[in-house]
Amino acid sequence: MKNPHPLPGLFTACFALAFAWAVLLSVPAVADQTHSAVPGGEVRLEGPLKAGQPVKAVFDLKGYELPAGAYAAINVEFPVRPEGAKPAVRPGYPETVMTFAEPGAYRVLLLLNQISKGSCGGVSAKPLIEAEMDLKVAP
């Protein structure tokens, strides 16, 4: 038998679909992920997660050595951070030092690239480690 009133069912289905989509969009992205072109490569933090105290991000490439003529480039971004002063960053390899001026929740993106120059100018960048971390910095 045919449904004599198909619109209420259609509206209910559309509402359920819109509700499920809104729930999926509101779920935070999975954090604390590390992608490495070097097998087993990782980033670890050393030091207290306290405002005003330096924290080291240590890149461990598990024995991989940069080729002759290549160098490491570090990028650090803070897509989520509290209001106030931006964290101070002293990029370096194998250690990058970050100092968080404000307590609160942070999302930190760490990128380690291998940079080399071509014979005809320009540069070549090879991503070695990409890490995303959610941090809670204490006062």
C-alpha atoms as a PDB file:
ATOM      1  CA  MET A   1       0.000   0.000   0.000  1.00  0.00           C
ATOM      2  CA  LYS A   2       1.230   3.431  -0.888  1.00  0.00           C
ATOM      3  CA  ASN A   3       1.870   5.991   1.877  1.00  0.00           C
ATOM      4  CA  PRO A   4      -0.860   8.638   1.478  1.00  0.00           C
ATOM      5  CA  HIS A   5       1.286  11.306   3.203  1.00  0.00           C
ATOM      6  CA  PRO A   6       4.926  10.946   2.042  1.00  0.00           C
ATOM      7  CA  LEU A   7       6.013  14.459   3.108  1.00  0.00           C
ATOM      8  CA  PRO A   8       6.206  13.864   6.883  1.00  0.00           C
ATOM      9  CA  GLY A   9       8.437  10.837   6.310  1.00  0.00           C
ATOM     10  CA  LEU A  10      10.608  12.807   3.920  1.00  0.00           C
ATOM     11  CA  PHE A  11      10.938  15.680   6.406  1.00  0.00           C
ATOM     12  CA  THR A  12      11.828  13.234   9.179  1.00  0.00           C
ATOM     13  CA  ALA A  13      14.514  11.613   7.016  1.00  0.00           C
ATOM     14  CA  CYS A  14      15.965  15.019   6.038  1.00  0.00           C
ATOM     15  CA  PHE A  15      15.995  16.131   9.677  1.00  0.00           C
ATOM     16  CA  ALA A  16      17.775  12.926  10.742  1.00  0.00           C
ATOM     17  CA  LEU A  17      20.356  13.369   7.979  1.00  0.00           C
ATOM     18  CA  ALA A  18      20.949  17.047   8.874  1.00  0.00           C
ATOM     19  CA  PHE A  19      21.248  16.167  12.570  1.00  0.00           C
ATOM     20  CA  ALA A  20      23.787  13.405  11.869  1.00  0.00           C
ATOM     21  CA  TRP A  21      25.797  15.783   9.636  1.00  0.00           C
ATOM     22  CA  ALA A  22      25.826  18.465  12.377  1.00  0.00           C
ATOM     23  CA  VAL A  23      27.039  15.920  14.941  1.00  0.00           C
ATOM     24  CA  LEU A  24      29.850  14.780  12.650  1.00  0.00           C
ATOM     25  CA  LEU A  25      30.946  18.373  12.021  1.00  0.00           C
ATOM     26  CA  SER A  26      30.968  19.198  15.727  1.00  0.00           C
ATOM     27  CA  VAL A  27      33.285  16.322  16.662  1.00  0.00           C
ATOM     28  CA  PRO A  28      36.828  17.679  17.090  1.00  0.00           C
ATOM     29  CA  ALA A  29      39.506  16.453  14.733  1.00  0.00           C
ATOM     30  CA  VAL A  30      41.528  13.534  15.999  1.00  0.00           C
ATOM     31  CA  ALA A  31      44.652  15.031  17.543  1.00  0.00           C
ATOM     32  CA  ASP A  32      47.994  13.706  18.669  1.00  0.00           C
ATOM     33  CA  GLN A  33      48.714  12.243  15.256  1.00  0.00           C
ATOM     34  CA  THR A  34      52.156  11.783  13.769  1.00  0.00           C
ATOM     35  CA  HIS A  35      52.882  11.007  10.141  1.00  0.00           C
ATOM     36  CA  SER A  36      56.450  10.171   9.244  1.00  0.00           C
ATOM     37  CA  ALA A  37      58.222   9.442   5.960  1.00  0.00           C
ATOM     38  CA  VAL A  38      60.940   7.838   8.093  1.00  0.00           C
ATOM     39  CA  PRO A  39      59.891   4.470   9.557  1.00  0.00           C
ATOM     40  CA  GLY A  40      59.277   4.941  13.287  1.00  0.00           C
ATOM     41  CA  GLY A  41      60.044   8.681  13.159  1.00  0.00           C
ATOM     42  CA  GLU A  42      58.426  10.584  16.021  1.00  0.00           C
ATOM     43  CA  VAL A  43      58.252  13.807  18.022  1.00  0.00           C
ATOM     44  CA  ARG A  44      58.221  13.807  21.810  1.00  0.00           C
ATOM     45  CA  LEU A  45      57.884  16.665  24.268  1.00  0.00           C
ATOM     46  CA  GLU A  46      60.333  17.159  27.125  1.00  0.00           C
ATOM     47  CA  GLY A  47      59.774  19.551  29.992  1.00  0.00           C
ATOM     48  CA  PRO A  48      56.836  20.789  32.030  1.00  0.00           C
ATOM     49  CA  LEU A  49      53.734  22.042  30.243  1.00  0.00           C
ATOM     50  CA  LYS A  50      53.578  25.212  32.345  1.00  0.00           C
ATOM     51  CA  ALA A  51      53.183  28.821  31.238  1.00  0.00           C
ATOM     52  CA  GLY A  52      56.548  30.577  31.043  1.00  0.00           C
ATOM     53  CA  GLN A  53      58.576  27.326  31.063  1.00  0.00           C
ATOM     54  CA  PRO A  54      60.423  26.096  27.953  1.00  0.00           C
ATOM     55  CA  VAL A  55      59.272  22.811  26.417  1.00  0.00           C
ATOM     56  CA  LYS A  56      61.404  20.899  23.919  1.00  0.00           C
ATOM     57  CA  ALA A  57      59.918  19.148  20.915  1.00  0.00           C
ATOM     58  CA  VAL A  58      62.509  16.471  20.127  1.00  0.00           C
ATOM     59  CA  PHE A  59      62.457  15.001  16.612  1.00  0.00           C
ATOM     60  CA  ASP A  60      63.655  11.381  16.513  1.00  0.00           C
ATOM     61  CA  LEU A  61      64.328  10.049  13.014  1.00  0.00           C
ATOM     62  CA  LYS A  62      65.465   6.631  14.292  1.00  0.00           C
ATOM     63  CA  GLY A  63      68.939   6.805  12.770  1.00  0.00           C
ATOM     64  CA  TYR A  64      67.972   8.475   9.490  1.00  0.00           C
ATOM     65  CA  GLU A  65      70.610  11.061   8.544  1.00  0.00           C
ATOM     66  CA  LEU A  66      70.053  14.037   6.303  1.00  0.00           C
ATOM     67  CA  PRO A  67      71.987  13.627   3.032  1.00  0.00           C
ATOM     68  CA  ALA A  68      75.049  15.778   2.362  1.00  0.00           C
ATOM     69  CA  GLY A  69      73.981  19.262   1.282  1.00  0.00           C
ATOM     70  CA  ALA A  70      70.494  18.967   2.781  1.00  0.00           C
ATOM     71  CA  TYR A  71      69.255  20.703   5.908  1.00  0.00           C
ATOM     72  CA  ALA A  72      66.240  20.508   8.200  1.00  0.00           C
ATOM     73  CA  ALA A  73      63.499  23.138   8.230  1.00  0.00           C
ATOM     74  CA  ILE A  74      61.014  23.267  11.107  1.00  0.00           C
ATOM     75  CA  ASN A  75      57.587  24.922  10.977  1.00  0.00           C
ATOM     76  CA  VAL A  76      55.465  25.332  14.113  1.00  0.00           C
ATOM     77  CA  GLU A  77      51.870  26.554  13.990  1.00  0.00           C
ATOM     78  CA  PHE A  78      49.223  27.069  16.682  1.00  0.00           C
ATOM     79  CA  PRO A  79      45.775  26.842  15.037  1.00  0.00           C
ATOM     80  CA  VAL A  80      44.151  26.685  18.489  1.00  0.00           C
ATOM     81  CA  ARG A  81      45.475  28.748  21.388  1.00  0.00           C
ATOM     82  CA  PRO A  82      44.197  31.016  24.160  1.00  0.00           C
ATOM     83  CA  GLU A  83      43.888  34.773  23.758  1.00  0.00           C
ATOM     84  CA  GLY A  84      47.052  36.700  24.520  1.00  0.00           C
ATOM     85  CA  ALA A  85      50.664  36.406  23.520  1.00  0.00           C
ATOM     86  CA  LYS A  86      51.578  33.853  20.877  1.00  0.00           C
ATOM     87  CA  PRO A  87      53.997  31.165  22.119  1.00  0.00           C
ATOM     88  CA  ALA A  88      57.681  31.902  21.565  1.00  0.00           C
ATOM     89  CA  VAL A  89      59.352  29.361  19.281  1.00  0.00           C
ATOM     90  CA  ARG A  90      63.042  28.760  18.674  1.00  0.00           C
ATOM     91  CA  PRO A  91      63.027  26.287  15.785  1.00  0.00           C
ATOM     92  CA  GLY A  92      65.863  23.833  15.488  1.00  0.00           C
ATOM     93  CA  TYR A  93      66.710  20.266  14.680  1.00  0.00           C
ATOM     94  CA  PRO A  94      66.752  17.887  16.474  1.00  0.00           C
ATOM     95  CA  GLU A  95      65.169  20.101  19.175  1.00  0.00           C
ATOM     96  CA  THR A  96      62.699  22.941  18.840  1.00  0.00           C
ATOM     97  CA  VAL A  97      61.996  24.973  21.982  1.00  0.00           C
ATOM     98  CA  MET A  98      58.535  26.422  22.666  1.00  0.00           C
ATOM     99  CA  THR A  99      57.563  28.686  25.561  1.00  0.00           C
ATOM    100  CA  PHE A 100      53.860  29.179  26.212  1.00  0.00           C
ATOM    101  CA  ALA A 101      53.116  32.602  27.725  1.00  0.00           C
ATOM    102  CA  GLU A 102      49.476  31.807  28.537  1.00  0.00           C
ATOM    103  CA  PRO A 103      47.926  28.782  30.269  1.00  0.00           C
ATOM    104  CA  GLY A 104      45.170  26.954  28.423  1.00  0.00           C
ATOM    105  CA  ALA A 105      44.422  24.585  25.572  1.00  0.00           C
ATOM    106  CA  TYR A 106      46.658  24.548  22.491  1.00  0.00           C
ATOM    107  CA  ARG A 107      46.779  22.608  19.248  1.00  0.00           C
ATOM    108  CA  VAL A 108      50.340  22.484  17.909  1.00  0.00           C
ATOM    109  CA  LEU A 109      51.348  21.493  14.380  1.00  0.00           C
ATOM    110  CA  LEU A 110      55.012  20.529  13.969  1.00  0.00           C
ATOM    111  CA  LEU A 111      56.490  20.021  10.517  1.00  0.00           C
ATOM    112  CA  LEU A 112      60.023  18.758   9.860  1.00  0.00           C
ATOM    113  CA  ASN A 113      61.139  19.001   6.240  1.00  0.00           C
ATOM    114  CA  GLN A 114      64.355  17.996   4.520  1.00  0.00           C
ATOM    115  CA  ILE A 115      65.444  20.826   2.220  1.00  0.00           C
ATOM    116  CA  SER A 116      67.954  20.479  -0.608  1.00  0.00           C
ATOM    117  CA  LYS A 117      68.950  22.735  -3.482  1.00  0.00           C
ATOM    118  CA  GLY A 118      68.773  21.605  -7.067  1.00  0.00           C
ATOM    119  CA  SER A 119      71.572  22.115  -9.561  1.00  0.00           C
ATOM    120  CA  CYS A 120      69.462  24.523 -11.630  1.00  0.00           C
ATOM    121  CA  GLY A 121      68.174  26.698  -8.789  1.00  0.00           C
ATOM    122  CA  GLY A 122      65.156  26.320  -6.577  1.00  0.00           C
ATOM    123  CA  VAL A 123      64.774  23.947  -3.681  1.00  0.00           C
ATOM    124  CA  SER A 124      63.256  20.558  -3.024  1.00  0.00           C
ATOM    125  CA  ALA A 125      61.362  19.902   0.195  1.00  0.00           C
ATOM    126  CA  LYS A 126      60.696  16.404   1.507  1.00  0.00           C
ATOM    127  CA  PRO A 127      58.337  16.159   4.499  1.00  0.00           C
ATOM    128  CA  LEU A 128      59.936  13.909   7.127  1.00  0.00           C
ATOM    129  CA  ILE A 129      57.554  14.301  10.084  1.00  0.00           C
ATOM    130  CA  GLU A 130      54.168  15.970  10.461  1.00  0.00           C
ATOM    131  CA  ALA A 131      52.765  15.932  14.011  1.00  0.00           C
ATOM    132  CA  GLU A 132      49.603  17.373  15.509  1.00  0.00           C
ATOM    133  CA  MET A 133      49.279  17.580  19.288  1.00  0.00           C
ATOM    134  CA  ASP A 134      46.645  18.860  21.685  1.00  0.00           C
ATOM    135  CA  LEU A 135      48.251  20.301  24.805  1.00  0.00           C
ATOM    136  CA  LYS A 136      46.934  21.620  28.105  1.00  0.00           C
ATOM    137  CA  VAL A 137      49.355  24.221  29.530  1.00  0.00           C
ATOM    138  CA  ALA A 138      49.101  24.787  33.289  1.00  0.00           C
ATOM    139  CA  PRO A 139      49.473  28.224  34.936  1.00  0.00           C
END
